[in-house]
Amino acid sequence: MQPDAARLRRLQRLERVRAIARQTALGEAARAEGTLAQLSALAERTRAMSEDYRASGLLGDGHQLRQLGAFVAGLQGISAATANDLTQARSIADARQHDLAQAERRRAVVEKRARDQARAIAQAHAPQTLGARRAVGTVLEE
């Protein structure tokens, strides 16, 4: 096998590997974005529940007020923990998007190299076209 053809085959294999890596990164980025969306919705719901219960004024005695305060404090703790999880999920999603962008760039570079190599091989095997014939000697006037 000629070295150019072997190089082209290696580049094509590398391109397939990079495409698989891109697909994997795409799946991981999608999962991270899904987790981020779920945590965002959960954080919003717990925050809204905490505010609704805090604003509730339908209490009969001090015991109910104390129970409601404990419940609201628990909701606020859950809301704070969810907000921390949301921040972490956002950073993970951003990292996965960055990984996806890098994988796409790597795949595009290999694709371009393989395309250039195929073009070079095709040009090397293309028949030579004869250009315009050069005039030899001096031009004679009539």
Protein backbone atom coordinates (compact mmCIF):
# COMPACT_ATOMS: atom_id res chain seq x y z
CA MET A 1 0.00 0.00 0.00
CA GLN A 2 1.30 3.42 -0.87
CA PRO A 3 2.18 5.75 1.99
CA ASP A 4 -0.39 8.35 0.88
CA ALA A 5 -3.19 5.80 0.81
CA ALA A 6 -2.14 4.42 4.20
CA ARG A 7 -2.14 7.91 5.63
CA LEU A 8 -5.61 8.54 4.20
CA ARG A 9 -6.92 5.33 5.78
CA ARG A 10 -5.42 6.32 9.15
CA LEU A 11 -7.01 9.75 8.90
CA GLN A 12 -10.38 8.23 8.03
CA ARG A 13 -10.16 5.88 11.03
CA LEU A 14 -9.19 8.78 13.25
CA GLU A 15 -12.12 10.76 11.87
CA ARG A 16 -14.51 7.92 12.81
CA VAL A 17 -13.01 7.77 16.31
CA ARG A 18 -13.38 11.53 16.69
CA ALA A 19 -16.99 11.34 15.47
CA ILE A 20 -17.72 8.73 18.14
CA ALA A 21 -16.05 10.91 20.77
CA ARG A 22 -18.18 13.84 19.59
CA GLN A 23 -21.35 11.74 19.90
CA THR A 24 -20.35 10.71 23.41
CA ALA A 25 -19.66 14.31 24.38
CA LEU A 26 -22.99 15.31 22.86
CA GLY A 27 -24.82 12.73 24.98
CA GLU A 28 -23.03 13.82 28.15
CA ALA A 29 -23.78 17.48 27.42
CA ALA A 30 -27.45 16.66 26.84
CA ARG A 31 -27.66 14.73 30.11
CA ALA A 32 -25.98 17.59 31.98
CA GLU A 33 -28.38 20.12 30.44
CA GLY A 34 -31.34 17.90 31.39
CA THR A 35 -30.13 17.65 34.97
CA LEU A 36 -29.62 21.41 35.05
CA ALA A 37 -33.19 22.01 33.82
CA GLN A 38 -34.64 19.60 36.40
CA LEU A 39 -32.70 21.18 39.25
CA SER A 40 -33.67 24.64 38.09
CA ALA A 41 -37.35 23.70 38.14
CA LEU A 42 -36.97 22.03 41.54
CA ALA A 43 -35.21 25.07 43.01
CA GLU A 44 -37.96 27.35 41.74
CA ARG A 45 -40.72 25.12 43.14
CA THR A 46 -39.14 24.82 46.60
CA ARG A 47 -38.50 28.57 46.72
CA ALA A 48 -42.10 29.29 45.74
CA MET A 49 -43.44 26.80 48.33
CA SER A 50 -41.30 28.37 51.04
CA GLU A 51 -42.58 31.86 50.20
CA ASP A 52 -46.20 30.68 50.03
CA TYR A 53 -46.06 29.01 53.44
CA ARG A 54 -44.20 31.95 54.96
CA ALA A 55 -46.89 34.35 53.72
CA SER A 56 -49.70 32.13 55.02
CA GLY A 57 -51.50 33.88 57.91
CA LEU A 58 -54.14 31.28 58.77
CA LEU A 59 -52.82 30.18 62.15
CA GLY A 60 -54.92 29.41 65.21
CA ASP A 61 -52.32 29.46 68.00
CA GLY A 62 -48.64 29.64 68.82
CA HIS A 63 -48.09 25.92 68.37
CA GLN A 64 -49.25 26.08 64.76
CA LEU A 65 -47.03 29.12 64.24
CA ARG A 66 -44.05 27.21 65.61
CA GLN A 67 -44.78 24.16 63.43
CA LEU A 68 -45.16 26.36 60.37
CA GLY A 69 -41.89 28.13 61.19
CA ALA A 70 -40.08 24.80 61.46
CA PHE A 71 -41.64 23.62 58.21
CA VAL A 72 -40.69 26.83 56.38
CA ALA A 73 -37.14 26.62 57.77
CA GLY A 74 -36.90 23.06 56.46
CA LEU A 75 -38.15 24.19 53.05
CA GLN A 76 -35.62 27.01 53.03
CA GLY A 77 -32.86 24.51 53.81
CA ILE A 78 -34.00 22.31 50.94
CA SER A 79 -34.16 25.37 48.70
CA ALA A 80 -30.62 26.39 49.65
CA ALA A 81 -29.29 22.87 49.06
CA THR A 82 -31.06 22.76 45.70
CA ALA A 83 -29.58 26.16 44.79
CA ASN A 84 -26.10 24.80 45.58
CA ASP A 85 -26.81 21.71 43.49
CA LEU A 86 -28.03 23.98 40.70
CA THR A 87 -24.78 25.96 40.76
CA GLN A 88 -22.77 22.75 40.59
CA ALA A 89 -24.96 21.36 37.79
CA ARG A 90 -24.51 24.61 35.85
CA SER A 91 -20.72 24.35 36.08
CA ILE A 92 -20.85 20.68 35.02
CA ALA A 93 -23.13 21.54 32.07
CA ASP A 94 -20.77 24.33 31.03
CA ALA A 95 -17.81 21.94 31.21
CA ARG A 96 -19.68 19.36 29.09
CA GLN A 97 -20.50 22.04 26.51
CA HIS A 98 -16.82 22.98 26.43
CA ASP A 99 -15.87 19.31 25.97
CA LEU A 100 -18.40 19.04 23.16
CA ALA A 101 -16.96 22.09 21.41
CA GLN A 102 -13.44 20.66 21.69
CA ALA A 103 -14.57 17.29 20.34
CA GLU A 104 -16.25 18.98 17.38
CA ARG A 105 -13.12 21.03 16.64
CA ARG A 106 -10.94 17.91 16.78
CA ARG A 107 -13.30 16.03 14.48
CA ALA A 108 -13.46 18.95 12.02
CA VAL A 109 -9.65 19.21 11.90
CA VAL A 110 -9.26 15.50 11.14
CA GLU A 111 -12.04 15.67 8.56
CA LYS A 112 -10.27 18.55 6.80
CA ARG A 113 -6.93 16.70 6.87
CA ALA A 114 -8.55 13.57 5.41
CA ARG A 115 -10.29 15.62 2.71
CA ASP A 116 -7.02 17.37 1.83
CA GLN A 117 -5.17 14.03 1.69
CA ALA A 118 -7.86 12.52 -0.57
CA ARG A 119 -7.63 15.56 -2.83
CA ALA A 120 -3.83 15.26 -2.98
CA ILE A 121 -4.09 11.57 -3.90
CA ALA A 122 -6.69 12.33 -6.56
CA GLN A 123 -4.50 15.05 -8.04
CA ALA A 124 -1.49 12.76 -8.08
CA HIS A 125 -3.42 10.12 -10.01
CA ALA A 126 -5.19 12.56 -12.33
CA PRO A 127 -3.92 12.61 -15.91
CA GLN A 128 -1.77 15.58 -16.71
CA THR A 129 -3.56 18.07 -18.87
CA LEU A 130 -1.45 19.69 -21.51
CA GLY A 131 -1.35 23.40 -21.20
CA ALA A 132 -1.17 25.87 -24.02
CA ARG A 133 1.82 25.31 -26.22
CA ARG A 134 4.60 27.75 -25.69
CA ALA A 135 5.94 29.54 -28.69
CA VAL A 136 9.55 28.80 -29.45
CA GLY A 137 11.68 31.25 -31.30
CA THR A 138 10.82 34.74 -32.45
CA VAL A 139 7.55 36.03 -33.65
CA LEU A 140 7.56 36.68 -37.39
CA GLU A 141 5.52 39.50 -38.71
CA GLU A 142 3.69 39.12 -41.95
